[in-house]
Protein backbone atom coordinates (compact mmCIF):
# COMPACT_ATOMS: atom_id res chain seq x y z
CA UNK A 1 38.90 -16.72 32.25
CA UNK A 2 40.09 -13.80 30.16
CA UNK A 3 37.58 -12.75 27.51
CA UNK A 4 39.07 -11.18 24.36
CA UNK A 5 36.26 -8.80 23.40
CA UNK A 6 38.48 -6.96 20.92
CA UNK A 7 38.89 -10.15 18.87
CA UNK A 8 35.24 -9.94 17.80
CA UNK A 9 35.96 -6.87 15.65
CA UNK A 10 35.97 -7.67 11.96
CA UNK A 11 37.33 -5.73 9.01
CA UNK A 12 34.64 -4.79 6.53
CA UNK A 13 34.74 -3.09 3.16
CA UNK A 14 31.83 -0.86 4.04
CA UNK A 15 29.39 0.11 6.76
CA UNK A 16 27.82 -2.48 9.05
CA UNK A 17 24.33 -3.71 8.27
CA UNK A 18 22.87 -2.02 11.36
CA UNK A 19 24.32 1.34 10.29
CA UNK A 20 22.92 0.93 6.78
CA UNK A 21 19.51 0.18 8.31
CA UNK A 22 19.74 3.20 10.59
CA UNK A 23 20.64 5.51 7.70
CA UNK A 24 17.71 4.14 5.70
CA UNK A 25 15.33 4.58 8.64
CA UNK A 26 16.67 7.95 9.74
CA UNK A 27 18.89 9.71 7.15
CA UNK A 28 19.15 12.85 9.32
CA UNK A 29 21.83 10.99 11.30
CA UNK A 30 24.22 12.55 8.80
CA UNK A 31 23.16 16.07 9.84
CA UNK A 32 24.73 16.01 13.31
CA UNK A 33 27.60 14.70 15.35
CA UNK A 34 28.02 10.94 15.71
CA UNK A 35 30.10 8.87 18.13
CA UNK A 36 30.70 5.17 17.48
CA UNK A 37 31.40 3.53 20.86
CA UNK A 38 33.46 0.35 20.52
CA UNK A 39 34.15 1.17 16.87
CA UNK A 40 36.78 -1.54 16.33
CA UNK A 41 38.48 -0.91 12.99
CA UNK A 42 36.22 2.10 12.39
CA UNK A 43 34.53 1.26 9.09
CA UNK A 44 31.26 2.84 10.26
CA UNK A 45 33.12 6.01 11.31
CA UNK A 46 34.87 6.24 7.94
CA UNK A 47 31.61 5.64 6.08
CA UNK A 48 29.81 8.35 8.05
CA UNK A 49 32.64 10.82 7.38
CA UNK A 50 32.51 10.06 3.64
CA UNK A 51 28.79 10.83 3.76
CA UNK A 52 29.48 14.21 5.38
CA UNK A 53 28.74 13.47 9.03
CA UNK A 54 30.94 14.78 11.82
CA UNK A 55 31.78 11.31 13.12
CA UNK A 56 34.21 10.16 15.80
CA UNK A 57 34.96 6.74 17.17
CA UNK A 58 36.61 5.23 20.16
CA UNK A 59 37.45 1.74 21.26
CA UNK A 60 38.94 0.69 24.60
CA UNK A 61 41.50 -1.42 22.72
CA UNK A 62 44.25 0.92 21.54
CA UNK A 63 45.42 -1.46 18.81
CA UNK A 64 42.59 -0.27 16.56
CA UNK A 65 44.11 3.19 16.28
CA UNK A 66 41.24 5.15 17.79
CA UNK A 67 41.36 6.90 21.13
CA UNK A 68 40.50 4.79 24.13
CA UNK A 69 38.14 7.49 25.41
CA UNK A 70 35.94 9.82 23.38
CA UNK A 71 36.17 13.58 23.43
CA UNK A 72 34.36 15.31 26.26
CA UNK A 73 31.62 16.75 24.04
CA UNK A 74 28.11 15.35 23.65
CA UNK A 75 26.83 13.88 20.39
CA UNK A 76 23.52 13.95 18.51
CA UNK A 77 23.85 10.24 17.81
CA UNK A 78 25.77 7.57 19.70
CA UNK A 79 26.22 4.15 18.11
CA UNK A 80 26.64 0.97 20.16
CA UNK A 81 26.80 -1.68 17.45
CA UNK A 82 27.66 -5.29 18.31
CA UNK A 83 29.06 -4.31 21.70
CA UNK A 84 26.52 -5.54 24.28
CA UNK A 85 26.47 -9.07 22.85
CA UNK A 86 30.24 -9.56 23.41
CA UNK A 87 30.20 -8.59 27.09
CA UNK A 88 29.94 -11.61 29.41
CA UNK A 89 27.89 -10.16 32.28
CA UNK A 90 24.72 -8.15 32.63
CA UNK A 91 26.65 -5.65 34.79
CA UNK A 92 29.20 -5.04 32.00
CA UNK A 93 26.40 -4.64 29.45
CA UNK A 94 24.62 -2.12 31.66
CA UNK A 95 27.85 -0.19 32.30
CA UNK A 96 28.60 -0.04 28.56
CA UNK A 97 25.06 1.11 27.82
CA UNK A 98 25.18 3.78 30.54
CA UNK A 99 28.57 5.03 29.37
CA UNK A 100 27.42 5.26 25.74
CA UNK A 101 24.21 6.97 26.88
CA UNK A 102 26.22 9.58 28.78
CA UNK A 103 27.69 10.83 25.47
CA UNK A 104 24.27 11.56 23.89
CA UNK A 105 23.06 15.16 23.89
CA UNK A 106 19.62 15.99 25.27
CA UNK A 107 17.34 15.53 22.26
CA UNK A 108 19.81 13.06 20.73
CA UNK A 109 19.69 9.30 20.73
CA UNK A 110 21.58 6.10 21.28
CA UNK A 111 21.38 3.41 18.61
CA UNK A 112 21.96 -0.13 19.90
CA UNK A 113 22.37 -3.18 17.67
CA UNK A 114 23.11 -6.70 18.90
CA UNK A 115 23.18 -10.20 17.48
CA UNK A 116 19.92 -12.09 17.92
CA UNK A 117 19.58 -15.15 20.15
CA UNK A 118 18.75 -17.27 17.08
CA UNK A 119 21.89 -16.20 15.23
CA UNK A 120 24.07 -16.94 18.25
CA UNK A 121 22.43 -20.35 18.81
CA UNK A 122 23.00 -21.23 15.15
CA UNK A 123 26.64 -20.14 15.32
CA UNK A 124 27.12 -22.08 18.55
CA UNK A 125 25.92 -25.29 16.91
CA UNK A 126 27.99 -24.70 13.80
CA UNK A 127 31.24 -23.88 15.64
CA UNK A 128 30.90 -25.88 18.87
CA UNK A 129 31.02 -22.94 21.27
CA UNK A 130 31.01 -23.76 24.98
CA UNK A 131 28.36 -22.39 27.40
CA UNK A 132 29.65 -19.60 29.65
CA UNK A 133 27.57 -17.35 31.96
CA UNK A 134 24.46 -16.52 29.92
CA UNK A 135 26.13 -17.01 26.53
CA UNK A 136 29.01 -18.86 24.89
CA UNK A 137 32.79 -18.82 24.65
CA UNK A 138 34.08 -19.06 21.09
CA UNK A 139 37.22 -20.83 19.89
CA UNK A 140 38.98 -17.40 19.85
CA UNK A 141 38.12 -16.96 23.57
CA UNK A 142 35.56 -14.29 22.82
CA UNK A 143 32.08 -14.18 24.32
CA UNK A 144 28.81 -14.09 22.38
CA UNK A 145 25.29 -13.65 23.70
CA UNK A 146 22.24 -13.04 21.58
CA UNK A 147 19.95 -10.30 22.87
CA UNK A 148 16.40 -9.71 21.77
CA UNK A 149 14.68 -6.34 21.92
CA UNK A 150 13.06 -7.08 25.28
CA UNK A 151 16.48 -7.84 26.78
CA UNK A 152 17.91 -4.59 25.46
CA UNK A 153 14.86 -2.70 26.71
CA UNK A 154 15.25 -4.18 30.19
CA UNK A 155 18.80 -2.81 30.31
CA UNK A 156 17.73 0.53 28.83
CA UNK A 157 15.06 1.04 31.48
CA UNK A 158 17.95 1.73 33.87
CA UNK A 159 19.03 4.78 31.84
CA UNK A 160 18.29 8.18 33.33
CA UNK A 161 16.49 10.61 31.08
CA UNK A 162 15.30 8.33 28.29
CA UNK A 163 12.02 9.38 26.77
CA UNK A 164 11.23 6.92 24.03
CA UNK A 165 12.46 3.66 22.52
CA UNK A 166 11.84 2.66 18.91
CA UNK A 167 12.57 -0.79 17.51
CA UNK A 168 13.99 -1.34 14.02
CA UNK A 169 13.75 -5.06 13.28
CA UNK A 170 16.11 -7.17 11.24
CA UNK A 171 16.44 -10.92 10.87
CA UNK A 172 19.85 -11.54 12.45
CA UNK A 173 20.21 -8.67 14.86
CA UNK A 174 18.01 -6.38 16.89
CA UNK A 175 18.18 -2.60 16.88
CA UNK A 176 16.83 -0.12 19.36
CA UNK A 177 16.81 3.67 19.23
CA UNK A 178 16.75 5.20 22.69
CA UNK A 179 15.87 8.88 22.57
CA UNK A 180 16.77 11.68 25.02
CA UNK A 181 13.75 13.67 23.94
CA UNK A 182 10.66 13.06 21.86
CA UNK A 183 11.66 11.09 18.76
CA UNK A 184 10.07 12.10 15.48
CA UNK A 185 11.76 9.59 13.17
């Protein structure tokens, strides 16, 4: 079955909730370079640029208008927002996490946000999604899987060079900062 991961991207009129939480928790994000991996329509990239950050985005689906591969430089901050929960296998999630991690500078960090298992279960009941692998297929033929912090951590333990992980909780999604150096947030 073909999974349409790009169809999960939504157009927003502002930054995503996870980005707003990150900026509240750690406003120095705006002081360095930022890469939004799987940026979709790019609202978080545009918001960061308006705030003065040197932000770039890429998405593997060329229809969004961003490059399909990021520049070859390393970034202070790499965002992976609502990406892992739309990938239908653990292997794909790990590959996406490792790829995003590879763009973080030493001393930088990766910020991961996913939908929570509760939110996905509620949406499944509301919309009649069908079970598929370890998640659900939506009516648009997209995949959704809620991930809690422990699930994200278990993937992140495979990353080479991580030093510290910090959880930022929210009701409907889970966030995790993964630092390539001691984090002093």
